Every structure is written in structure tokens, then in C-alpha cells.
Amino acid sequence: MLLLKITGIWLLMVVAAIVNGTLREFFLNKYLLPEIALPLSGLILSVLIIVISLKLLVFIKGESSTTYLCVGIFWVTLTLLLEYGLGFSQGLTLSEINEVFSVHQGNLFSLVLLVTLFSLL
């Protein structure tokens, strides 16, 4: 039952990420410089993940810190599988997919993964 709950919460995070990306493309990029829009979007997504995690913690409350860390590892694993799976399905190369880890270009995907990992602790 726990696996079903945490997978559902992760799917909600995916929806939040899609909405965040859409808002970045149609709003932030329109009114802000790309050097500001991309990192701001990463920060917004990080906050959304924390809010979703804390609000839905009630559904998995009572578990140990070790369990919460395992949930974070599970969420990060699913996120990476989704990111690479979508990238490869779109014909992107490994180096093109790995650009999401390019902090010097303003992409805060690494921060998003860290927040996801520790969001329940």
C-alpha cells in the first residue's frame, strides 16, 4: 500500500513539474531573461515539491526517517528514469539529456533532485 501511495505522490510532482515547465515557457520566458527564467523555474519547482511532500506526508506518516529517505531515493530514481526515458524516446543523445544537470547554464535540475531526495526529512 505504501508503494502505491508514494507513487501517486510522485505522479503529482510530475504534474507540478509539467505545469511549472509550461508556465516557464509561456510566462517567465516571455517577461524575463532566459538566465533568470530557467533558475527561477527550478526554484519554483523545488518549492512545489516541498509543499506537495509536506502536505501529503499525512498519507505516509508514522514511517521512520530511513523509510522517508528510501522514498526520496525511489522518487529520484523514478524522476531520472522518466527524464532519460523521455529524452531517448525523443531521439536525444546522452549528452543532450545530461544538459539538465548544467548548473552553469542556469538549470537547477540537480537542486530539484536533492530537494526531492530529502523532502520528507
PDB file of N, CA and C in Angstrom:
ATOM      1  N   MET A   1       0.815  -1.200   0.000  1.00  0.00           N
ATOM      2  CA  MET A   1       0.000   0.000   0.000  1.00  0.00           C
ATOM      3  C   MET A   1       0.861   1.268   0.000  1.00  0.00           C
ATOM      4  N   LEU A   2       1.988   1.217   0.736  1.00  0.00           N
ATOM      5  CA  LEU A   2       2.879   2.373   0.782  1.00  0.00           C
ATOM      6  C   LEU A   2       3.420   2.694  -0.610  1.00  0.00           C
ATOM      7  N   LEU A   3       3.779   1.661  -1.367  1.00  0.00           N
ATOM      8  CA  LEU A   3       4.320   1.869  -2.710  1.00  0.00           C
ATOM      9  C   LEU A   3       3.308   2.588  -3.598  1.00  0.00           C
ATOM     10  N   LEU A   4       2.059   2.221  -3.490  1.00  0.00           N
ATOM     11  CA  LEU A   4       1.010   2.872  -4.277  1.00  0.00           C
ATOM     12  C   LEU A   4       0.865   4.343  -3.882  1.00  0.00           C
ATOM     13  N   LYS A   5       0.905   4.613  -2.589  1.00  0.00           N
ATOM     14  CA  LYS A   5       0.765   5.988  -2.101  1.00  0.00           C
ATOM     15  C   LYS A   5       1.922   6.866  -2.566  1.00  0.00           C
ATOM     16  N   ILE A   6       3.144   6.364  -2.395  1.00  0.00           N
ATOM     17  CA  ILE A   6       4.291   7.205  -2.754  1.00  0.00           C
ATOM     18  C   ILE A   6       4.417   7.378  -4.265  1.00  0.00           C
ATOM     19  N   THR A   7       3.967   6.390  -5.025  1.00  0.00           N
ATOM     20  CA  THR A   7       3.964   6.532  -6.481  1.00  0.00           C
ATOM     21  C   THR A   7       2.932   7.583  -6.902  1.00  0.00           C
ATOM     22  N   GLY A   8       1.794   7.584  -6.249  1.00  0.00           N
ATOM     23  CA  GLY A   8       0.769   8.598  -6.526  1.00  0.00           C
ATOM     24  C   GLY A   8       1.258  10.001  -6.205  1.00  0.00           C
ATOM     25  N   ILE A   9       1.961  10.143  -5.088  1.00  0.00           N
ATOM     26  CA  ILE A   9       2.517  11.446  -4.717  1.00  0.00           C
ATOM     27  C   ILE A   9       3.547  11.884  -5.758  1.00  0.00           C
ATOM     28  N   TRP A  10       4.384  10.944  -6.204  1.00  0.00           N
ATOM     29  CA  TRP A  10       5.382  11.269  -7.224  1.00  0.00           C
ATOM     30  C   TRP A  10       4.694  11.715  -8.522  1.00  0.00           C
ATOM     31  N   LEU A  11       3.618  11.051  -8.894  1.00  0.00           N
ATOM     32  CA  LEU A  11       2.892  11.449 -10.108  1.00  0.00           C
ATOM     33  C   LEU A  11       2.359  12.873  -9.989  1.00  0.00           C
ATOM     34  N   LEU A  12       1.943  13.254  -8.793  1.00  0.00           N
ATOM     35  CA  LEU A  12       1.517  14.628  -8.549  1.00  0.00           C
ATOM     36  C   LEU A  12       2.688  15.596  -8.750  1.00  0.00           C
ATOM     37  N   MET A  13       3.884  15.181  -8.321  1.00  0.00           N
ATOM     38  CA  MET A  13       5.085  16.003  -8.531  1.00  0.00           C
ATOM     39  C   MET A  13       5.387  16.148 -10.025  1.00  0.00           C
ATOM     40  N   VAL A  14       5.155  15.088 -10.775  1.00  0.00           N
ATOM     41  CA  VAL A  14       5.366  15.144 -12.229  1.00  0.00           C
ATOM     42  C   VAL A  14       4.402  16.151 -12.852  1.00  0.00           C
ATOM     43  N   VAL A  15       3.156  16.116 -12.428  1.00  0.00           N
ATOM     44  CA  VAL A  15       2.171  17.085 -12.931  1.00  0.00           C
ATOM     45  C   VAL A  15       2.624  18.506 -12.574  1.00  0.00           C
ATOM     46  N   ALA A  16       3.100  18.693 -11.348  1.00  0.00           N
ATOM     47  CA  ALA A  16       3.587  20.016 -10.928  1.00  0.00           C
ATOM     48  C   ALA A  16       4.757  20.454 -11.807  1.00  0.00           C
ATOM     49  N   ALA A  17       5.642  19.524 -12.139  1.00  0.00           N
ATOM     50  CA  ALA A  17       6.793  19.845 -12.988  1.00  0.00           C
ATOM     51  C   ALA A  17       6.343  20.233 -14.398  1.00  0.00           C
ATOM     52  N   ILE A  18       5.346  19.548 -14.911  1.00  0.00           N
ATOM     53  CA  ILE A  18       4.830  19.861 -16.251  1.00  0.00           C
ATOM     54  C   ILE A  18       4.184  21.245 -16.255  1.00  0.00           C
ATOM     55  N   VAL A  19       3.376  21.525 -15.244  1.00  0.00           N
ATOM     56  CA  VAL A  19       2.733  22.840 -15.134  1.00  0.00           C
ATOM     57  C   VAL A  19       3.805  23.920 -14.980  1.00  0.00           C
ATOM     58  N   ASN A  20       4.801  23.661 -14.154  1.00  0.00           N
ATOM     59  CA  ASN A  20       5.893  24.611 -13.955  1.00  0.00           C
ATOM     60  C   ASN A  20       6.631  24.884 -15.276  1.00  0.00           C
ATOM     61  N   GLY A  21       6.929  23.835 -16.015  1.00  0.00           N
ATOM     62  CA  GLY A  21       7.605  23.999 -17.301  1.00  0.00           C
ATOM     63  C   GLY A  21       6.766  24.775 -18.296  1.00  0.00           C
ATOM     64  N   THR A  22       5.474  24.512 -18.288  1.00  0.00           N
ATOM     65  CA  THR A  22       4.557  25.234 -19.171  1.00  0.00           C
ATOM     66  C   THR A  22       4.508  26.711 -18.812  1.00  0.00           C
ATOM     67  N   LEU A  23       4.423  27.000 -17.517  1.00  0.00           N
ATOM     68  CA  LEU A  23       4.422  28.400 -17.082  1.00  0.00           C
ATOM     69  C   LEU A  23       5.740  29.092 -17.433  1.00  0.00           C
ATOM     70  N   ARG A  24       6.837  28.350 -17.318  1.00  0.00           N
ATOM     71  CA  ARG A  24       8.138  28.931 -17.691  1.00  0.00           C
ATOM     72  C   ARG A  24       8.142  29.302 -19.169  1.00  0.00           C
ATOM     73  N   GLU A  25       7.678  28.366 -20.004  1.00  0.00           N
ATOM     74  CA  GLU A  25       7.706  28.604 -21.454  1.00  0.00           C
ATOM     75  C   GLU A  25       6.792  29.746 -21.889  1.00  0.00           C
ATOM     76  N   PHE A  26       5.611  29.832 -21.296  1.00  0.00           N
ATOM     77  CA  PHE A  26       4.625  30.794 -21.773  1.00  0.00           C
ATOM     78  C   PHE A  26       4.542  32.076 -20.951  1.00  0.00           C
ATOM     79  N   PHE A  27       5.188  32.110 -19.794  1.00  0.00           N
ATOM     80  CA  PHE A  27       5.117  33.316 -18.971  1.00  0.00           C
ATOM     81  C   PHE A  27       6.505  33.839 -18.615  1.00  0.00           C
ATOM     82  N   LEU A  28       7.279  33.041 -17.897  1.00  0.00           N
ATOM     83  CA  LEU A  28       8.588  33.508 -17.437  1.00  0.00           C
ATOM     84  C   LEU A  28       9.508  33.870 -18.597  1.00  0.00           C
ATOM     85  N   ASN A  29       9.589  32.992 -19.602  1.00  0.00           N
ATOM     86  CA  ASN A  29      10.461  33.265 -20.748  1.00  0.00           C
ATOM     87  C   ASN A  29      10.018  34.497 -21.538  1.00  0.00           C
ATOM     88  N   LYS A  30       8.739  34.800 -21.442  1.00  0.00           N
ATOM     89  CA  LYS A  30       8.196  35.939 -22.179  1.00  0.00           C
ATOM     90  C   LYS A  30       8.558  37.266 -21.513  1.00  0.00           C
ATOM     91  N   TYR A  31       8.619  37.258 -20.180  1.00  0.00           N
ATOM     92  CA  TYR A  31       8.815  38.505 -19.447  1.00  0.00           C
ATOM     93  C   TYR A  31      10.186  38.639 -18.783  1.00  0.00           C
ATOM     94  N   LEU A  32      10.938  37.549 -18.726  1.00  0.00           N
ATOM     95  CA  LEU A  32      12.248  37.584 -18.074  1.00  0.00           C
ATOM     96  C   LEU A  32      13.325  37.086 -19.027  1.00  0.00           C
ATOM     97  N   LEU A  33      14.547  37.437 -18.734  1.00  0.00           N
ATOM     98  CA  LEU A  33      15.670  36.905 -19.497  1.00  0.00           C
ATOM     99  C   LEU A  33      15.794  35.414 -19.231  1.00  0.00           C
ATOM    100  N   PRO A  34      16.227  34.633 -20.212  1.00  0.00           N
ATOM    101  CA  PRO A  34      16.387  33.186 -20.010  1.00  0.00           C
ATOM    102  C   PRO A  34      17.317  32.847 -18.835  1.00  0.00           C
ATOM    103  N   GLU A  35      18.320  33.719 -18.601  1.00  0.00           N
ATOM    104  CA  GLU A  35      19.253  33.495 -17.496  1.00  0.00           C
ATOM    105  C   GLU A  35      18.565  33.609 -16.140  1.00  0.00           C
ATOM    106  N   ILE A  36      17.414  34.249 -16.116  1.00  0.00           N
ATOM    107  CA  ILE A  36      16.630  34.389 -14.883  1.00  0.00           C
ATOM    108  C   ILE A  36      15.486  33.389 -14.865  1.00  0.00           C
ATOM    109  N   ALA A  37      14.831  33.209 -15.993  1.00  0.00           N
ATOM    110  CA  ALA A  37      13.638  32.361 -16.069  1.00  0.00           C
ATOM    111  C   ALA A  37      13.933  30.902 -15.715  1.00  0.00           C
ATOM    112  N   LEU A  38      15.012  30.349 -16.240  1.00  0.00           N
ATOM    113  CA  LEU A  38      15.314  28.935 -16.008  1.00  0.00           C
ATOM    114  C   LEU A  38      15.630  28.642 -14.543  1.00  0.00           C
ATOM    115  N   PRO A  39      16.540  29.403 -13.901  1.00  0.00           N
ATOM    116  CA  PRO A  39      16.784  29.116 -12.491  1.00  0.00           C
ATOM    117  C   PRO A  39      15.569  29.409 -11.606  1.00  0.00           C
ATOM    118  N   LEU A  40      14.822  30.465 -11.940  1.00  0.00           N
ATOM    119  CA  LEU A  40      13.620  30.768 -11.169  1.00  0.00           C
ATOM    120  C   LEU A  40      12.629  29.614 -11.254  1.00  0.00           C
ATOM    121  N   SER A  41      12.496  29.044 -12.424  1.00  0.00           N
ATOM    122  CA  SER A  41      11.621  27.892 -12.614  1.00  0.00           C
ATOM    123  C   SER A  41      12.084  26.708 -11.763  1.00  0.00           C
ATOM    124  N   GLY A  42      13.390  26.495 -11.689  1.00  0.00           N
ATOM    125  CA  GLY A  42      13.929  25.421 -10.850  1.00  0.00           C
ATOM    126  C   GLY A  42      13.634  25.646  -9.378  1.00  0.00           C
ATOM    127  N   LEU A  43      13.741  26.900  -8.939  1.00  0.00           N
ATOM    128  CA  LEU A  43      13.417  27.229  -7.544  1.00  0.00           C
ATOM    129  C   LEU A  43      11.930  27.034  -7.262  1.00  0.00           C
ATOM    130  N   ILE A  44      11.094  27.463  -8.196  1.00  0.00           N
ATOM    131  CA  ILE A  44       9.649  27.285  -8.032  1.00  0.00           C
ATOM    132  C   ILE A  44       9.303  25.801  -7.936  1.00  0.00           C
ATOM    133  N   LEU A  45       9.889  24.993  -8.806  1.00  0.00           N
ATOM    134  CA  LEU A  45       9.613  23.555  -8.761  1.00  0.00           C
ATOM    135  C   LEU A  45      10.089  22.950  -7.451  1.00  0.00           C
ATOM    136  N   SER A  46      11.222  23.386  -6.957  1.00  0.00           N
ATOM    137  CA  SER A  46      11.724  22.877  -5.674  1.00  0.00           C
ATOM    138  C   SER A  46      10.739  23.178  -4.550  1.00  0.00           C
ATOM    139  N   VAL A  47      10.209  24.387  -4.537  1.00  0.00           N
ATOM    140  CA  VAL A  47       9.219  24.765  -3.524  1.00  0.00           C
ATOM    141  C   VAL A  47       7.952  23.930  -3.681  1.00  0.00           C
ATOM    142  N   LEU A  48       7.516  23.744  -4.917  1.00  0.00           N
ATOM    143  CA  LEU A  48       6.312  22.922  -5.158  1.00  0.00           C
ATOM    144  C   LEU A  48       6.506  21.503  -4.644  1.00  0.00           C
ATOM    145  N   ILE A  49       7.675  20.943  -4.852  1.00  0.00           N
ATOM    146  CA  ILE A  49       7.948  19.579  -4.390  1.00  0.00           C
ATOM    147  C   ILE A  49       7.911  19.507  -2.864  1.00  0.00           C
ATOM    148  N   ILE A  50       8.486  20.496  -2.219  1.00  0.00           N
ATOM    149  CA  ILE A  50       8.446  20.527  -0.749  1.00  0.00           C
ATOM    150  C   ILE A  50       7.008  20.635  -0.263  1.00  0.00           C
ATOM    151  N   VAL A  51       6.234  21.517  -0.866  1.00  0.00           N
ATOM    152  CA  VAL A  51       4.831  21.702  -0.451  1.00  0.00           C
ATOM    153  C   VAL A  51       4.042  20.419  -0.662  1.00  0.00           C
ATOM    154  N   ILE A  52       4.173  19.805  -1.827  1.00  0.00           N
ATOM    155  CA  ILE A  52       3.461  18.548  -2.098  1.00  0.00           C
ATOM    156  C   ILE A  52       3.872  17.484  -1.096  1.00  0.00           C
ATOM    157  N   SER A  53       5.159  17.351  -0.849  1.00  0.00           N
ATOM    158  CA  SER A  53       5.651  16.337   0.080  1.00  0.00           C
ATOM    159  C   SER A  53       5.092  16.548   1.478  1.00  0.00           C
ATOM    160  N   LEU A  54       5.169  17.783   1.962  1.00  0.00           N
ATOM    161  CA  LEU A  54       4.721  18.059   3.329  1.00  0.00           C
ATOM    162  C   LEU A  54       3.202  17.963   3.466  1.00  0.00           C
ATOM    163  N   LYS A  55       2.475  18.419   2.458  1.00  0.00           N
ATOM    164  CA  LYS A  55       1.012  18.342   2.521  1.00  0.00           C
ATOM    165  C   LYS A  55       0.515  16.897   2.459  1.00  0.00           C
ATOM    166  N   LEU A  56       1.207  16.051   1.708  1.00  0.00           N
ATOM    167  CA  LEU A  56       0.753  14.669   1.538  1.00  0.00           C
ATOM    168  C   LEU A  56       1.478  13.699   2.461  1.00  0.00           C
ATOM    169  N   LEU A  57       2.330  14.236   3.325  1.00  0.00           N
ATOM    170  CA  LEU A  57       3.031  13.403   4.301  1.00  0.00           C
ATOM    171  C   LEU A  57       2.044  12.661   5.192  1.00  0.00           C
ATOM    172  N   VAL A  58       0.878  13.228   5.391  1.00  0.00           N
ATOM    173  CA  VAL A  58      -0.152  12.612   6.229  1.00  0.00           C
ATOM    174  C   VAL A  58      -0.510  11.203   5.742  1.00  0.00           C
ATOM    175  N   PHE A  59      -0.371  10.957   4.430  1.00  0.00           N
ATOM    176  CA  PHE A  59      -0.711   9.654   3.874  1.00  0.00           C
ATOM    177  C   PHE A  59       0.343   8.592   4.146  1.00  0.00           C
ATOM    178  N   ILE A  60       1.546   9.022   4.518  1.00  0.00           N
ATOM    179  CA  ILE A  60       2.600   8.047   4.819  1.00  0.00           C
ATOM    180  C   ILE A  60       3.210   8.318   6.191  1.00  0.00           C
ATOM    181  N   LYS A  61       2.525   9.109   6.982  1.00  0.00           N
ATOM    182  CA  LYS A  61       3.009   9.490   8.313  1.00  0.00           C
ATOM    183  C   LYS A  61       3.211   8.262   9.188  1.00  0.00           C
ATOM    184  N   GLY A  62       4.156   8.379  10.074  1.00  0.00           N
ATOM    185  CA  GLY A  62       4.413   7.293  11.005  1.00  0.00           C
ATOM    186  C   GLY A  62       5.542   6.382  10.580  1.00  0.00           C
ATOM    187  N   GLU A  63       6.067   6.614   9.414  1.00  0.00           N
ATOM    188  CA  GLU A  63       7.197   5.820   8.939  1.00  0.00           C
ATOM    189  C   GLU A  63       8.477   6.385   9.543  1.00  0.00           C
ATOM    190  N   SER A  64       9.543   5.624   9.482  1.00  0.00           N
ATOM    191  CA  SER A  64      10.821   6.056  10.045  1.00  0.00           C
ATOM    192  C   SER A  64      11.561   6.986   9.083  1.00  0.00           C
ATOM    193  N   SER A  65      12.567   7.665   9.600  1.00  0.00           N
ATOM    194  CA  SER A  65      13.402   8.536   8.760  1.00  0.00           C
ATOM    195  C   SER A  65      14.072   7.731   7.653  1.00  0.00           C
ATOM    196  N   THR A  66      14.436   6.503   7.974  1.00  0.00           N
ATOM    197  CA  THR A  66      15.053   5.632   6.967  1.00  0.00           C
ATOM    198  C   THR A  66      14.065   5.363   5.831  1.00  0.00           C
ATOM    199  N   THR A  67      12.825   5.127   6.184  1.00  0.00           N
ATOM    200  CA  THR A  67      11.797   4.901   5.169  1.00  0.00           C
ATOM    201  C   THR A  67      11.609   6.149   4.324  1.00  0.00           C
ATOM    202  N   TYR A  68      11.583   7.315   4.977  1.00  0.00           N
ATOM    203  CA  TYR A  68      11.428   8.568   4.228  1.00  0.00           C
ATOM    204  C   TYR A  68      12.588   8.776   3.264  1.00  0.00           C
ATOM    205  N   LEU A  69      13.795   8.440   3.676  1.00  0.00           N
ATOM    206  CA  LEU A  69      14.945   8.566   2.784  1.00  0.00           C
ATOM    207  C   LEU A  69      14.822   7.587   1.626  1.00  0.00           C
ATOM    208  N   CYS A  70      14.357   6.377   1.906  1.00  0.00           N
ATOM    209  CA  CYS A  70      14.139   5.390   0.828  1.00  0.00           C
ATOM    210  C   CYS A  70      13.078   5.873  -0.150  1.00  0.00           C
ATOM    211  N   VAL A  71      12.049   6.530   0.363  1.00  0.00           N
ATOM    212  CA  VAL A  71      11.016   7.110  -0.509  1.00  0.00           C
ATOM    213  C   VAL A  71      11.655   8.167  -1.406  1.00  0.00           C
ATOM    214  N   GLY A  72      12.502   9.018  -0.831  1.00  0.00           N
ATOM    215  CA  GLY A  72      13.200  10.034  -1.621  1.00  0.00           C
ATOM    216  C   GLY A  72      14.064   9.413  -2.705  1.00  0.00           C
ATOM    217  N   ILE A  73      14.763   8.347  -2.373  1.00  0.00           N
ATOM    218  CA  ILE A  73      15.592   7.642  -3.364  1.00  0.00           C
ATOM    219  C   ILE A  73      14.712   7.074  -4.466  1.00  0.00           C
ATOM    220  N   PHE A  74      13.579   6.515  -4.084  1.00  0.00           N
ATOM    221  CA  PHE A  74      12.628   5.972  -5.061  1.00  0.00           C
ATOM    222  C   PHE A  74      12.138   7.072  -5.994  1.00  0.00           C
ATOM    223  N   TRP A  75      11.758   8.230  -5.428  1.00  0.00           N
ATOM    224  CA  TRP A  75      11.270   9.343  -6.235  1.00  0.00           C
ATOM    225  C   TRP A  75      12.342   9.849  -7.195  1.00  0.00           C
ATOM    226  N   VAL A  76      13.574   9.976  -6.716  1.00  0.00           N
ATOM    227  CA  VAL A  76      14.666  10.442  -7.580  1.00  0.00           C
ATOM    228  C   VAL A  76      14.917   9.432  -8.695  1.00  0.00           C
ATOM    229  N   THR A  77      14.874   8.149  -8.354  1.00  0.00           N
ATOM    230  CA  THR A  77      15.072   7.101  -9.368  1.00  0.00           C
ATOM    231  C   THR A  77      13.997   7.175 -10.439  1.00  0.00           C
ATOM    232  N   LEU A  78      12.741   7.294 -10.018  1.00  0.00           N
ATOM    233  CA  LEU A  78      11.650   7.417 -10.993  1.00  0.00           C
ATOM    234  C   LEU A  78      11.821   8.663 -11.858  1.00  0.00           C
ATOM    235  N   THR A  79      12.227   9.757 -11.237  1.00  0.00           N
ATOM    236  CA  THR A  79      12.416  11.009 -11.968  1.00  0.00           C
ATOM    237  C   THR A  79      13.508  10.867 -13.026  1.00  0.00           C
ATOM    238  N   LEU A  80      14.613  10.249 -12.649  1.00  0.00           N
ATOM    239  CA  LEU A  80      15.708  10.049 -13.610  1.00  0.00           C
ATOM    240  C   LEU A  80      15.303   9.092 -14.724  1.00  0.00           C
ATOM    241  N   LEU A  81      14.587   8.032 -14.379  1.00  0.00           N
ATOM    242  CA  LEU A  81      14.105   7.111 -15.408  1.00  0.00           C
ATOM    243  C   LEU A  81      13.177   7.825 -16.381  1.00  0.00           C
ATOM    244  N   LEU A  82      12.319   8.680 -15.854  1.00  0.00           N
ATOM    245  CA  LEU A  82      11.413   9.446 -16.716  1.00  0.00           C
ATOM    246  C   LEU A  82      12.194  10.425 -17.596  1.00  0.00           C
ATOM    247  N   GLU A  83      13.128  11.143 -17.002  1.00  0.00           N
ATOM    248  CA  GLU A  83      13.907  12.146 -17.745  1.00  0.00           C
ATOM    249  C   GLU A  83      14.699  11.499 -18.884  1.00  0.00           C
ATOM    250  N   TYR A  84      15.415  10.422 -18.558  1.00  0.00           N
ATOM    251  CA  TYR A  84      16.216   9.763 -19.594  1.00  0.00           C
ATOM    252  C   TYR A  84      15.329   9.017 -20.592  1.00  0.00           C
ATOM    253  N   GLY A  85      14.269   8.411 -20.107  1.00  0.00           N
ATOM    254  CA  GLY A  85      13.353   7.696 -20.998  1.00  0.00           C
ATOM    255  C   GLY A  85      12.719   8.631 -22.014  1.00  0.00           C
ATOM    256  N   LEU A  86      12.232   9.781 -21.541  1.00  0.00           N
ATOM    257  CA  LEU A  86      11.641  10.759 -22.464  1.00  0.00           C
ATOM    258  C   LEU A  86      12.693  11.307 -23.423  1.00  0.00           C
ATOM    259  N   GLY A  87      13.879  11.561 -22.895  1.00  0.00           N
ATOM    260  CA  GLY A  87      14.945  12.079 -23.751  1.00  0.00           C
ATOM    261  C   GLY A  87      15.308  11.123 -24.867  1.00  0.00           C
ATOM    262  N   PHE A  88      15.528   9.861 -24.509  1.00  0.00           N
ATOM    263  CA  PHE A  88      15.878   8.864 -25.534  1.00  0.00           C
ATOM    264  C   PHE A  88      14.733   8.639 -26.509  1.00  0.00           C
ATOM    265  N   SER A  89      13.494   8.681 -26.005  1.00  0.00           N
ATOM    266  CA  SER A  89      12.349   8.470 -26.901  1.00  0.00           C
ATOM    267  C   SER A  89      12.190   9.615 -27.902  1.00  0.00           C
ATOM    268  N   GLN A  90      12.742  10.779 -27.571  1.00  0.00           N
ATOM    269  CA  GLN A  90      12.696  11.926 -28.479  1.00  0.00           C
ATOM    270  C   GLN A  90      13.936  11.984 -29.370  1.00  0.00           C
ATOM    271  N   GLY A  91      14.785  10.964 -29.266  1.00  0.00           N
ATOM    272  CA  GLY A  91      15.964  10.898 -30.114  1.00  0.00           C
ATOM    273  C   GLY A  91      17.145  11.732 -29.627  1.00  0.00           C
ATOM    274  N   LEU A  92      17.093  12.179 -28.384  1.00  0.00           N
ATOM    275  CA  LEU A  92      18.197  12.967 -27.845  1.00  0.00           C
ATOM    276  C   LEU A  92      19.378  12.053 -27.507  1.00  0.00           C
ATOM    277  N   THR A  93      20.569  12.610 -27.596  1.00  0.00           N
ATOM    278  CA  THR A  93      21.763  11.862 -27.187  1.00  0.00           C
ATOM    279  C   THR A  93      21.919  11.977 -25.674  1.00  0.00           C
ATOM    280  N   LEU A  94      22.773  11.142 -25.127  1.00  0.00           N
ATOM    281  CA  LEU A  94      23.030  11.170 -23.692  1.00  0.00           C
ATOM    282  C   LEU A  94      23.549  12.542 -23.263  1.00  0.00           C
ATOM    283  N   SER A  95      24.452  13.119 -24.039  1.00  0.00           N
ATOM    284  CA  SER A  95      24.992  14.434 -23.667  1.00  0.00           C
ATOM    285  C   SER A  95      23.911  15.517 -23.730  1.00  0.00           C
ATOM    286  N   GLU A  96      22.981  15.402 -24.654  1.00  0.00           N
ATOM    287  CA  GLU A  96      21.877  16.367 -24.722  1.00  0.00           C
ATOM    288  C   GLU A  96      20.962  16.236 -23.512  1.00  0.00           C
ATOM    289  N   ILE A  97      20.687  15.011 -23.113  1.00  0.00           N
ATOM    290  CA  ILE A  97      19.846  14.793 -21.929  1.00  0.00           C
ATOM    291  C   ILE A  97      20.552  15.305 -20.683  1.00  0.00           C
ATOM    292  N   ASN A  98      21.849  15.074 -20.605  1.00  0.00           N
ATOM    293  CA  ASN A  98      22.616  15.475 -19.425  1.00  0.00           C
ATOM    294  C   ASN A  98      22.732  16.982 -19.261  1.00  0.00           C
ATOM    295  N   GLU A  99      22.318  17.746 -20.261  1.00  0.00           N
ATOM    296  CA  GLU A  99      22.348  19.204 -20.146  1.00  0.00           C
ATOM    297  C   GLU A  99      21.452  19.715 -19.026  1.00  0.00           C
ATOM    298  N   VAL A 100      20.479  18.912 -18.585  1.00  0.00           N
ATOM    299  CA  VAL A 100      19.629  19.340 -17.465  1.00  0.00           C
ATOM    300  C   VAL A 100      20.435  19.467 -16.175  1.00  0.00           C
ATOM    301  N   PHE A 101      21.627  18.890 -16.140  1.00  0.00           N
ATOM    302  CA  PHE A 101      22.484  18.986 -14.962  1.00  0.00           C
ATOM    303  C   PHE A 101      23.446  20.169 -15.051  1.00  0.00           C
ATOM    304  N   SER A 102      23.309  20.985 -16.080  1.00  0.00           N
ATOM    305  CA  SER A 102      24.233  22.087 -16.339  1.00  0.00           C
ATOM    306  C   SER A 102      23.863  23.313 -15.499  1.00  0.00           C
ATOM    307  N   VAL A 103      24.380  23.347 -14.297  1.00  0.00           N
ATOM    308  CA  VAL A 103      24.082  24.460 -13.393  1.00  0.00           C
ATOM    309  C   VAL A 103      24.634  25.773 -13.957  1.00  0.00           C
ATOM    310  N   HIS A 104      25.782  25.724 -14.599  1.00  0.00           N
ATOM    311  CA  HIS A 104      26.369  26.962 -15.133  1.00  0.00           C
ATOM    312  C   HIS A 104      25.520  27.569 -16.249  1.00  0.00           C
ATOM    313  N   GLN A 105      24.583  26.801 -16.802  1.00  0.00           N
ATOM    314  CA  GLN A 105      23.644  27.344 -17.789  1.00  0.00           C
ATOM    315  C   GLN A 105      22.336  27.787 -17.128  1.00  0.00           C
ATOM    316  N   GLY A 106      22.291  27.672 -15.800  1.00  0.00           N
ATOM    317  CA  GLY A 106      21.115  28.112 -15.064  1.00  0.00           C
ATOM    318  C   GLY A 106      20.103  27.027 -14.766  1.00  0.00           C
ATOM    319  N   ASN A 107      20.387  25.802 -15.181  1.00  0.00           N
ATOM    320  CA  ASN A 107      19.448  24.715 -14.940  1.00  0.00           C
ATOM    321  C   ASN A 107      19.648  24.175 -13.526  1.00  0.00           C
ATOM    322  N   LEU A 108      18.604  24.190 -12.725  1.00  0.00           N
ATOM    323  CA  LEU A 108      18.686  23.751 -11.334  1.00  0.00           C
ATOM    324  C   LEU A 108      18.063  22.370 -11.122  1.00  0.00           C
ATOM    325  N   PHE A 109      18.099  21.534 -12.145  1.00  0.00           N
ATOM    326  CA  PHE A 109      17.544  20.186 -12.028  1.00  0.00           C
ATOM    327  C   PHE A 109      18.240  19.394 -10.918  1.00  0.00           C
ATOM    328  N   SER A 110      19.523  19.610 -10.739  1.00  0.00           N
ATOM    329  CA  SER A 110      20.254  18.929  -9.657  1.00  0.00           C
ATOM    330  C   SER A 110      19.681  19.322  -8.302  1.00  0.00           C
ATOM    331  N   LEU A 111      19.373  20.602  -8.138  1.00  0.00           N
ATOM    332  CA  LEU A 111      18.750  21.063  -6.891  1.00  0.00           C
ATOM    333  C   LEU A 111      17.385  20.416  -6.706  1.00  0.00           C
ATOM    334  N   VAL A 112      16.622  20.342  -7.776  1.00  0.00           N
ATOM    335  CA  VAL A 112      15.294  19.721  -7.717  1.00  0.00           C
ATOM    336  C   VAL A 112      15.421  18.268  -7.257  1.00  0.00           C
ATOM    337  N   LEU A 113      16.418  17.554  -7.771  1.00  0.00           N
ATOM    338  CA  LEU A 113      16.626  16.160  -7.355  1.00  0.00           C
ATOM    339  C   LEU A 113      17.003  16.068  -5.879  1.00  0.00           C
ATOM    340  N   LEU A 114      17.860  16.972  -5.411  1.00  0.00           N
ATOM    341  CA  LEU A 114      18.240  16.972  -3.988  1.00  0.00           C
ATOM    342  C   LEU A 114      17.039  17.281  -3.103  1.00  0.00           C
ATOM    343  N   VAL A 115      16.249  18.252  -3.502  1.00  0.00           N
ATOM    344  CA  VAL A 115      15.039  18.587  -2.746  1.00  0.00           C
ATOM    345  C   VAL A 115      14.094  17.388  -2.721  1.00  0.00           C
ATOM    346  N   THR A 116      13.938  16.723  -3.845  1.00  0.00           N
ATOM    347  CA  THR A 116      13.083  15.543  -3.920  1.00  0.00           C
ATOM    348  C   THR A 116      13.601  14.445  -2.992  1.00  0.00           C
ATOM    349  N   LEU A 117      14.899  14.242  -2.992  1.00  0.00           N
ATOM    350  CA  LEU A 117      15.518  13.215  -2.154  1.00  0.00           C
ATOM    351  C   LEU A 117      15.233  13.447  -0.674  1.00  0.00           C
ATOM    352  N   PHE A 118      15.365  14.685  -0.225  1.00  0.00           N
ATOM    353  CA  PHE A 118      15.265  14.986   1.209  1.00  0.00           C
ATOM    354  C   PHE A 118      13.959  15.651   1.619  1.00  0.00           C
ATOM    355  N   SER A 119      12.981  15.714   0.743  1.00  0.00           N
ATOM    356  CA  SER A 119      11.760  16.482   1.011  1.00  0.00           C
ATOM    357  C   SER A 119      10.927  15.958   2.179  1.00  0.00           C
ATOM    358  N   LEU A 120      11.076  14.706   2.521  1.00  0.00           N
ATOM    359  CA  LEU A 120      10.283  14.155   3.625  1.00  0.00           C
ATOM    360  C   LEU A 120      11.018  14.182   4.964  1.00  0.00           C
ATOM    361  N   LEU A 121      12.286  14.531   4.935  1.00  0.00           N
ATOM    362  CA  LEU A 121      13.072  14.518   6.180  1.00  0.00           C
ATOM    363  C   LEU A 121      13.019  15.828   6.916  1.00  0.00           C
TER     364      LEU A 121
END
